[in-house]
Amino acid sequence: MLYDIAVDFADMKGNEIVLDLYTGIGSIGLSISKNAKKVIGIEVVPEAIIDAKLIAKLNSLPNAEFLVGDVKDILDDSFKKPDI
């Protein structure tokens, strides 16, 4: 219910790219992925990312991407690239 309230409050239009930082197993990002163009979850714990990817696959959520690593390192690298 809390995630539904957050999505309503964000007034998402469906064209947003959402960064789910410190995503854990992706609960928040996955719950809003139907309302976003893409969700990118970042987490330092590899096992959590394995679970997040599995949950996304089982729920047919292809617009959710999950990356293993430290948020500061991944964002530093990603923002150097023109495609994110």
PDB file of N, CA and C in Angstrom:
ATOM      1  N   MET A   1       0.823  -1.187   0.000  1.00  0.00           N
ATOM      2  CA  MET A   1       0.000   0.000   0.000  1.00  0.00           C
ATOM      3  C   MET A   1       0.874   1.261   0.000  1.00  0.00           C
ATOM      4  N   LEU A   2       1.952   1.234   0.757  1.00  0.00           N
ATOM      5  CA  LEU A   2       2.844   2.387   0.829  1.00  0.00           C
ATOM      6  C   LEU A   2       3.433   2.713  -0.553  1.00  0.00           C
ATOM      7  N   TYR A   3       3.827   1.680  -1.300  1.00  0.00           N
ATOM      8  CA  TYR A   3       4.409   1.903  -2.628  1.00  0.00           C
ATOM      9  C   TYR A   3       3.381   2.489  -3.577  1.00  0.00           C
ATOM     10  N   ASP A   4       2.132   2.054  -3.471  1.00  0.00           N
ATOM     11  CA  ASP A   4       1.066   2.618  -4.305  1.00  0.00           C
ATOM     12  C   ASP A   4       0.885   4.105  -4.017  1.00  0.00           C
ATOM     13  N   ILE A   5       0.947   4.477  -2.764  1.00  0.00           N
ATOM     14  CA  ILE A   5       0.825   5.888  -2.384  1.00  0.00           C
ATOM     15  C   ILE A   5       1.998   6.684  -2.949  1.00  0.00           C
ATOM     16  N   ALA A   6       3.189   6.120  -2.878  1.00  0.00           N
ATOM     17  CA  ALA A   6       4.376   6.807  -3.415  1.00  0.00           C
ATOM     18  C   ALA A   6       4.251   7.010  -4.921  1.00  0.00           C
ATOM     19  N   VAL A   7       3.761   6.011  -5.637  1.00  0.00           N
ATOM     20  CA  VAL A   7       3.575   6.133  -7.090  1.00  0.00           C
ATOM     21  C   VAL A   7       2.536   7.199  -7.393  1.00  0.00           C
ATOM     22  N   ASP A   8       1.440   7.197  -6.675  1.00  0.00           N
ATOM     23  CA  ASP A   8       0.411   8.219  -6.882  1.00  0.00           C
ATOM     24  C   ASP A   8       0.970   9.613  -6.619  1.00  0.00           C
ATOM     25  N   PHE A   9       1.726   9.753  -5.553  1.00  0.00           N
ATOM     26  CA  PHE A   9       2.306  11.046  -5.190  1.00  0.00           C
ATOM     27  C   PHE A   9       3.298  11.527  -6.245  1.00  0.00           C
ATOM     28  N   ALA A  10       4.046  10.591  -6.837  1.00  0.00           N
ATOM     29  CA  ALA A  10       5.050  10.947  -7.848  1.00  0.00           C
ATOM     30  C   ALA A  10       4.402  11.365  -9.165  1.00  0.00           C
ATOM     31  N   ASP A  11       3.129  11.042  -9.354  1.00  0.00           N
ATOM     32  CA  ASP A  11       2.399  11.415 -10.572  1.00  0.00           C
ATOM     33  C   ASP A  11       3.176  11.011 -11.822  1.00  0.00           C
ATOM     34  N   MET A  12       3.605   9.768 -11.851  1.00  0.00           N
ATOM     35  CA  MET A  12       4.420   9.267 -12.953  1.00  0.00           C
ATOM     36  C   MET A  12       3.584   9.161 -14.220  1.00  0.00           C
ATOM     37  N   LYS A  13       4.211   9.505 -15.350  1.00  0.00           N
ATOM     38  CA  LYS A  13       3.537   9.521 -16.645  1.00  0.00           C
ATOM     39  C   LYS A  13       3.868   8.297 -17.491  1.00  0.00           C
ATOM     40  N   GLY A  14       4.864   7.511 -17.079  1.00  0.00           N
ATOM     41  CA  GLY A  14       5.238   6.321 -17.821  1.00  0.00           C
ATOM     42  C   GLY A  14       6.466   6.487 -18.687  1.00  0.00           C
ATOM     43  N   ASN A  15       7.044   7.683 -18.702  1.00  0.00           N
ATOM     44  CA  ASN A  15       8.249   7.914 -19.503  1.00  0.00           C
ATOM     45  C   ASN A  15       9.483   8.177 -18.638  1.00  0.00           C
ATOM     46  N   GLU A  16       9.363   7.943 -17.361  1.00  0.00           N
ATOM     47  CA  GLU A  16      10.461   8.205 -16.427  1.00  0.00           C
ATOM     48  C   GLU A  16      11.449   7.048 -16.370  1.00  0.00           C
ATOM     49  N   ILE A  17      12.705   7.407 -16.142  1.00  0.00           N
ATOM     50  CA  ILE A  17      13.729   6.423 -15.800  1.00  0.00           C
ATOM     51  C   ILE A  17      13.988   6.600 -14.307  1.00  0.00           C
ATOM     52  N   VAL A  18      13.706   5.554 -13.546  1.00  0.00           N
ATOM     53  CA  VAL A  18      13.776   5.622 -12.092  1.00  0.00           C
ATOM     54  C   VAL A  18      15.031   4.904 -11.615  1.00  0.00           C
ATOM     55  N   LEU A  19      15.799   5.568 -10.769  1.00  0.00           N
ATOM     56  CA  LEU A  19      16.958   4.953 -10.130  1.00  0.00           C
ATOM     57  C   LEU A  19      16.539   4.488  -8.738  1.00  0.00           C
ATOM     58  N   ASP A  20      16.631   3.198  -8.504  1.00  0.00           N
ATOM     59  CA  ASP A  20      16.317   2.614  -7.209  1.00  0.00           C
ATOM     60  C   ASP A  20      17.644   2.304  -6.534  1.00  0.00           C
ATOM     61  N   LEU A  21      18.147   3.280  -5.800  1.00  0.00           N
ATOM     62  CA  LEU A  21      19.471   3.167  -5.180  1.00  0.00           C
ATOM     63  C   LEU A  21      19.383   2.369  -3.885  1.00  0.00           C
ATOM     64  N   TYR A  22      20.376   1.530  -3.660  1.00  0.00           N
ATOM     65  CA  TYR A  22      20.394   0.632  -2.507  1.00  0.00           C
ATOM     66  C   TYR A  22      19.134  -0.236  -2.554  1.00  0.00           C
ATOM     67  N   THR A  23      18.903  -0.836  -3.694  1.00  0.00           N
ATOM     68  CA  THR A  23      17.652  -1.523  -4.029  1.00  0.00           C
ATOM     69  C   THR A  23      17.365  -2.774  -3.226  1.00  0.00           C
ATOM     70  N   GLY A  24      18.371  -3.396  -2.662  1.00  0.00           N
ATOM     71  CA  GLY A  24      18.123  -4.676  -1.990  1.00  0.00           C
ATOM     72  C   GLY A  24      17.642  -5.685  -3.018  1.00  0.00           C
ATOM     73  N   ILE A  25      16.507  -6.331  -2.761  1.00  0.00           N
ATOM     74  CA  ILE A  25      15.958  -7.295  -3.730  1.00  0.00           C
ATOM     75  C   ILE A  25      15.007  -6.620  -4.718  1.00  0.00           C
ATOM     76  N   GLY A  26      14.976  -5.296  -4.730  1.00  0.00           N
ATOM     77  CA  GLY A  26      14.230  -4.561  -5.745  1.00  0.00           C
ATOM     78  C   GLY A  26      12.765  -4.326  -5.466  1.00  0.00           C
ATOM     79  N   SER A  27      12.317  -4.505  -4.256  1.00  0.00           N
ATOM     80  CA  SER A  27      10.891  -4.404  -3.933  1.00  0.00           C
ATOM     81  C   SER A  27      10.262  -3.087  -4.393  1.00  0.00           C
ATOM     82  N   ILE A  28      10.897  -1.985  -4.071  1.00  0.00           N
ATOM     83  CA  ILE A  28      10.319  -0.687  -4.427  1.00  0.00           C
ATOM     84  C   ILE A  28      10.370  -0.479  -5.936  1.00  0.00           C
ATOM     85  N   GLY A  29      11.524  -0.694  -6.532  1.00  0.00           N
ATOM     86  CA  GLY A  29      11.661  -0.497  -7.974  1.00  0.00           C
ATOM     87  C   GLY A  29      10.724  -1.382  -8.775  1.00  0.00           C
ATOM     88  N   LEU A  30      10.614  -2.632  -8.394  1.00  0.00           N
ATOM     89  CA  LEU A  30       9.730  -3.548  -9.101  1.00  0.00           C
ATOM     90  C   LEU A  30       8.272  -3.142  -8.944  1.00  0.00           C
ATOM     91  N   SER A  31       7.922  -2.633  -7.790  1.00  0.00           N
ATOM     92  CA  SER A  31       6.524  -2.253  -7.562  1.00  0.00           C
ATOM     93  C   SER A  31       6.114  -1.049  -8.395  1.00  0.00           C
ATOM     94  N   ILE A  32       7.066  -0.217  -8.786  1.00  0.00           N
ATOM     95  CA  ILE A  32       6.715   0.950  -9.604  1.00  0.00           C
ATOM     96  C   ILE A  32       7.091   0.784 -11.076  1.00  0.00           C
ATOM     97  N   SER A  33       7.673  -0.338 -11.435  1.00  0.00           N
ATOM     98  CA  SER A  33       8.160  -0.505 -12.804  1.00  0.00           C
ATOM     99  C   SER A  33       7.049  -0.448 -13.850  1.00  0.00           C
ATOM    100  N   LYS A  34       5.846  -0.811 -13.484  1.00  0.00           N
ATOM    101  CA  LYS A  34       4.723  -0.741 -14.427  1.00  0.00           C
ATOM    102  C   LYS A  34       4.357   0.708 -14.755  1.00  0.00           C
ATOM    103  N   ASN A  35       4.800   1.646 -13.922  1.00  0.00           N
ATOM    104  CA  ASN A  35       4.485   3.050 -14.120  1.00  0.00           C
ATOM    105  C   ASN A  35       5.651   3.852 -14.691  1.00  0.00           C
ATOM    106  N   ALA A  36       6.740   3.183 -15.032  1.00  0.00           N
ATOM    107  CA  ALA A  36       7.944   3.865 -15.501  1.00  0.00           C
ATOM    108  C   ALA A  36       8.414   3.275 -16.829  1.00  0.00           C
ATOM    109  N   LYS A  37       9.160   4.079 -17.550  1.00  0.00           N
ATOM    110  CA  LYS A  37       9.780   3.581 -18.784  1.00  0.00           C
ATOM    111  C   LYS A  37      10.812   2.509 -18.442  1.00  0.00           C
ATOM    112  N   LYS A  38      11.608   2.808 -17.398  1.00  0.00           N
ATOM    113  CA  LYS A  38      12.665   1.888 -16.989  1.00  0.00           C
ATOM    114  C   LYS A  38      12.991   2.127 -15.520  1.00  0.00           C
ATOM    115  N   VAL A  39      13.329   1.042 -14.839  1.00  0.00           N
ATOM    116  CA  VAL A  39      13.816   1.117 -13.462  1.00  0.00           C
ATOM    117  C   VAL A  39      15.201   0.499 -13.441  1.00  0.00           C
ATOM    118  N   ILE A  40      16.134   1.205 -12.837  1.00  0.00           N
ATOM    119  CA  ILE A  40      17.494   0.704 -12.679  1.00  0.00           C
ATOM    120  C   ILE A  40      17.781   0.608 -11.187  1.00  0.00           C
ATOM    121  N   GLY A  41      17.943  -0.616 -10.705  1.00  0.00           N
ATOM    122  CA  GLY A  41      18.249  -0.842  -9.305  1.00  0.00           C
ATOM    123  C   GLY A  41      19.732  -1.109  -9.129  1.00  0.00           C
ATOM    124  N   ILE A  42      20.306  -0.512  -8.107  1.00  0.00           N
ATOM    125  CA  ILE A  42      21.739  -0.673  -7.833  1.00  0.00           C
ATOM    126  C   ILE A  42      21.910  -1.122  -6.383  1.00  0.00           C
ATOM    127  N   GLU A  43      22.733  -2.156  -6.211  1.00  0.00           N
ATOM    128  CA  GLU A  43      22.941  -2.735  -4.874  1.00  0.00           C
ATOM    129  C   GLU A  43      24.320  -3.370  -4.830  1.00  0.00           C
ATOM    130  N   VAL A  44      24.981  -3.255  -3.694  1.00  0.00           N
ATOM    131  CA  VAL A  44      26.322  -3.799  -3.521  1.00  0.00           C
ATOM    132  C   VAL A  44      26.307  -5.294  -3.192  1.00  0.00           C
ATOM    133  N   VAL A  45      25.195  -5.829  -2.757  1.00  0.00           N
ATOM    134  CA  VAL A  45      25.095  -7.241  -2.363  1.00  0.00           C
ATOM    135  C   VAL A  45      24.685  -8.088  -3.578  1.00  0.00           C
ATOM    136  N   PRO A  46      25.599  -8.900  -4.098  1.00  0.00           N
ATOM    137  CA  PRO A  46      25.304  -9.670  -5.311  1.00  0.00           C
ATOM    138  C   PRO A  46      24.100 -10.606  -5.187  1.00  0.00           C
ATOM    139  N   GLU A  47      23.949 -11.232  -4.028  1.00  0.00           N
ATOM    140  CA  GLU A  47      22.830 -12.156  -3.837  1.00  0.00           C
ATOM    141  C   GLU A  47      21.479 -11.438  -3.931  1.00  0.00           C
ATOM    142  N   ALA A  48      21.445 -10.202  -3.460  1.00  0.00           N
ATOM    143  CA  ALA A  48      20.201  -9.425  -3.544  1.00  0.00           C
ATOM    144  C   ALA A  48      19.853  -9.130  -4.994  1.00  0.00           C
ATOM    145  N   ILE A  49      20.854  -8.829  -5.804  1.00  0.00           N
ATOM    146  CA  ILE A  49      20.622  -8.543  -7.225  1.00  0.00           C
ATOM    147  C   ILE A  49      20.177  -9.811  -7.959  1.00  0.00           C
ATOM    148  N   ILE A  50      20.735 -10.947  -7.597  1.00  0.00           N
ATOM    149  CA  ILE A  50      20.283 -12.210  -8.194  1.00  0.00           C
ATOM    150  C   ILE A  50      18.788 -12.391  -7.920  1.00  0.00           C
ATOM    151  N   ASP A  51      18.378 -12.143  -6.683  1.00  0.00           N
ATOM    152  CA  ASP A  51      16.962 -12.268  -6.319  1.00  0.00           C
ATOM    153  C   ASP A  51      16.105 -11.247  -7.067  1.00  0.00           C
ATOM    154  N   ALA A  52      16.564 -10.009  -7.154  1.00  0.00           N
ATOM    155  CA  ALA A  52      15.807  -8.960  -7.848  1.00  0.00           C
ATOM    156  C   ALA A  52      15.588  -9.328  -9.312  1.00  0.00           C
ATOM    157  N   LYS A  53      16.628  -9.825  -9.961  1.00  0.00           N
ATOM    158  CA  LYS A  53      16.499 -10.226 -11.373  1.00  0.00           C
ATOM    159  C   LYS A  53      15.518 -11.388 -11.524  1.00  0.00           C
ATOM    160  N   LEU A  54      15.567 -12.329 -10.609  1.00  0.00           N
ATOM    161  CA  LEU A  54      14.653 -13.466 -10.652  1.00  0.00           C
ATOM    162  C   LEU A  54      13.205 -13.004 -10.456  1.00  0.00           C
ATOM    163  N   ILE A  55      12.986 -12.142  -9.488  1.00  0.00           N
ATOM    164  CA  ILE A  55      11.632 -11.631  -9.231  1.00  0.00           C
ATOM    165  C   ILE A  55      11.109 -10.872 -10.454  1.00  0.00           C
ATOM    166  N   ALA A  56      11.964 -10.062 -11.072  1.00  0.00           N
ATOM    167  CA  ALA A  56      11.557  -9.331 -12.276  1.00  0.00           C
ATOM    168  C   ALA A  56      11.174 -10.296 -13.391  1.00  0.00           C
ATOM    169  N   LYS A  57      11.961 -11.330 -13.563  1.00  0.00           N
ATOM    170  CA  LYS A  57      11.682 -12.322 -14.615  1.00  0.00           C
ATOM    171  C   LYS A  57      10.377 -13.068 -14.329  1.00  0.00           C
ATOM    172  N   LEU A  58      10.204 -13.522 -13.101  1.00  0.00           N
ATOM    173  CA  LEU A  58       8.997 -14.267 -12.735  1.00  0.00           C
ATOM    174  C   LEU A  58       7.728 -13.436 -12.885  1.00  0.00           C
ATOM    175  N   ASN A  59       7.868 -12.117 -12.755  1.00  0.00           N
ATOM    176  CA  ASN A  59       6.718 -11.223 -12.851  1.00  0.00           C
ATOM    177  C   ASN A  59       6.633 -10.516 -14.204  1.00  0.00           C
ATOM    178  N   SER A  60       7.431 -10.966 -15.167  1.00  0.00           N
ATOM    179  CA  SER A  60       7.427 -10.393 -16.527  1.00  0.00           C
ATOM    180  C   SER A  60       7.558  -8.873 -16.508  1.00  0.00           C
ATOM    181  N   LEU A  61       8.628  -8.406 -15.878  1.00  0.00           N
ATOM    182  CA  LEU A  61       8.911  -6.973 -15.794  1.00  0.00           C
ATOM    183  C   LEU A  61      10.227  -6.682 -16.518  1.00  0.00           C
ATOM    184  N   PRO A  62      10.189  -6.651 -17.852  1.00  0.00           N
ATOM    185  CA  PRO A  62      11.426  -6.512 -18.630  1.00  0.00           C
ATOM    186  C   PRO A  62      12.080  -5.127 -18.560  1.00  0.00           C
ATOM    187  N   ASN A  63      11.369  -4.131 -18.061  1.00  0.00           N
ATOM    188  CA  ASN A  63      11.942  -2.789 -18.000  1.00  0.00           C
ATOM    189  C   ASN A  63      12.702  -2.529 -16.693  1.00  0.00           C
ATOM    190  N   ALA A  64      12.913  -3.570 -15.904  1.00  0.00           N
ATOM    191  CA  ALA A  64      13.684  -3.448 -14.661  1.00  0.00           C
ATOM    192  C   ALA A  64      15.071  -4.045 -14.873  1.00  0.00           C
ATOM    193  N   GLU A  65      16.077  -3.232 -14.616  1.00  0.00           N
ATOM    194  CA  GLU A  65      17.473  -3.654 -14.760  1.00  0.00           C
ATOM    195  C   GLU A  65      18.143  -3.517 -13.404  1.00  0.00           C
ATOM    196  N   PHE A  66      18.985  -4.477 -13.063  1.00  0.00           N
ATOM    197  CA  PHE A  66      19.643  -4.453 -11.762  1.00  0.00           C
ATOM    198  C   PHE A  66      21.139  -4.612 -11.925  1.00  0.00           C
ATOM    199  N   LEU A  67      21.880  -3.762 -11.232  1.00  0.00           N
ATOM    200  CA  LEU A  67      23.337  -3.734 -11.331  1.00  0.00           C
ATOM    201  C   LEU A  67      23.963  -3.963  -9.965  1.00  0.00           C
ATOM    202  N   VAL A  68      25.019  -4.765  -9.944  1.00  0.00           N
ATOM    203  CA  VAL A  68      25.760  -5.016  -8.714  1.00  0.00           C
ATOM    204  C   VAL A  68      26.907  -4.025  -8.620  1.00  0.00           C
ATOM    205  N   GLY A  69      27.012  -3.367  -7.483  1.00  0.00           N
ATOM    206  CA  GLY A  69      28.137  -2.477  -7.256  1.00  0.00           C
ATOM    207  C   GLY A  69      27.778  -1.376  -6.282  1.00  0.00           C
ATOM    208  N   ASP A  70      28.778  -0.586  -5.979  1.00  0.00           N
ATOM    209  CA  ASP A  70      28.598   0.557  -5.091  1.00  0.00           C
ATOM    210  C   ASP A  70      27.927   1.680  -5.883  1.00  0.00           C
ATOM    211  N   VAL A  71      26.892   2.240  -5.324  1.00  0.00           N
ATOM    212  CA  VAL A  71      26.125   3.282  -6.011  1.00  0.00           C
ATOM    213  C   VAL A  71      27.030   4.401  -6.521  1.00  0.00           C
ATOM    214  N   LYS A  72      27.938   4.858  -5.693  1.00  0.00           N
ATOM    215  CA  LYS A  72      28.788   5.987  -6.102  1.00  0.00           C
ATOM    216  C   LYS A  72      29.659   5.641  -7.300  1.00  0.00           C
ATOM    217  N   ASP A  73      30.114   4.408  -7.392  1.00  0.00           N
ATOM    218  CA  ASP A  73      30.947   4.003  -8.519  1.00  0.00           C
ATOM    219  C   ASP A  73      30.123   3.847  -9.792  1.00  0.00           C
ATOM    220  N   ILE A  74      28.978   3.205  -9.673  1.00  0.00           N
ATOM    221  CA  ILE A  74      28.140   2.986 -10.854  1.00  0.00           C
ATOM    222  C   ILE A  74      27.599   4.302 -11.388  1.00  0.00           C
ATOM    223  N   LEU A  75      27.146   5.164 -10.512  1.00  0.00           N
ATOM    224  CA  LEU A  75      26.623   6.446 -10.989  1.00  0.00           C
ATOM    225  C   LEU A  75      27.719   7.294 -11.599  1.00  0.00           C
ATOM    226  N   ASP A  76      28.913   7.279 -11.015  1.00  0.00           N
ATOM    227  CA  ASP A  76      30.028   8.021 -11.608  1.00  0.00           C
ATOM    228  C   ASP A  76      30.286   7.535 -13.022  1.00  0.00           C
ATOM    229  N   ASP A  77      30.317   6.213 -13.220  1.00  0.00           N
ATOM    230  CA  ASP A  77      30.552   5.638 -14.541  1.00  0.00           C
ATOM    231  C   ASP A  77      29.387   5.916 -15.481  1.00  0.00           C
ATOM    232  N   SER A  78      28.152   5.767 -15.000  1.00  0.00           N
ATOM    233  CA  SER A  78      26.982   5.897 -15.844  1.00  0.00           C
ATOM    234  C   SER A  78      26.785   7.328 -16.333  1.00  0.00           C
ATOM    235  N   PHE A  79      27.024   8.296 -15.484  1.00  0.00           N
ATOM    236  CA  PHE A  79      26.781   9.663 -15.888  1.00  0.00           C
ATOM    237  C   PHE A  79      27.857  10.195 -16.833  1.00  0.00           C
ATOM    238  N   LYS A  80      28.891   9.433 -17.044  1.00  0.00           N
ATOM    239  CA  LYS A  80      29.895   9.788 -18.049  1.00  0.00           C
ATOM    240  C   LYS A  80      29.433   9.360 -19.431  1.00  0.00           C
ATOM    241  N   LYS A  81      28.477   8.427 -19.482  1.00  0.00           N
ATOM    242  CA  LYS A  81      27.970   7.902 -20.755  1.00  0.00           C
ATOM    243  C   LYS A  81      26.760   8.748 -21.182  1.00  0.00           C
ATOM    244  N   PRO A  82      26.649   9.073 -22.454  1.00  0.00           N
ATOM    245  CA  PRO A  82      25.540   9.903 -22.905  1.00  0.00           C
ATOM    246  C   PRO A  82      24.186   9.192 -22.988  1.00  0.00           C
ATOM    247  N   ASP A  83      24.127   7.875 -22.848  1.00  0.00           N
ATOM    248  CA  ASP A  83      22.870   7.151 -23.059  1.00  0.00           C
ATOM    249  C   ASP A  83      22.046   6.908 -21.795  1.00  0.00           C
ATOM    250  N   ILE A  84      22.416   7.442 -20.650  1.00  0.00           N
ATOM    251  CA  ILE A  84      21.585   7.239 -19.453  1.00  0.00           C
ATOM    252  C   ILE A  84      20.995   8.532 -18.961  1.00  0.00           C
TER     253      ILE A  84
END
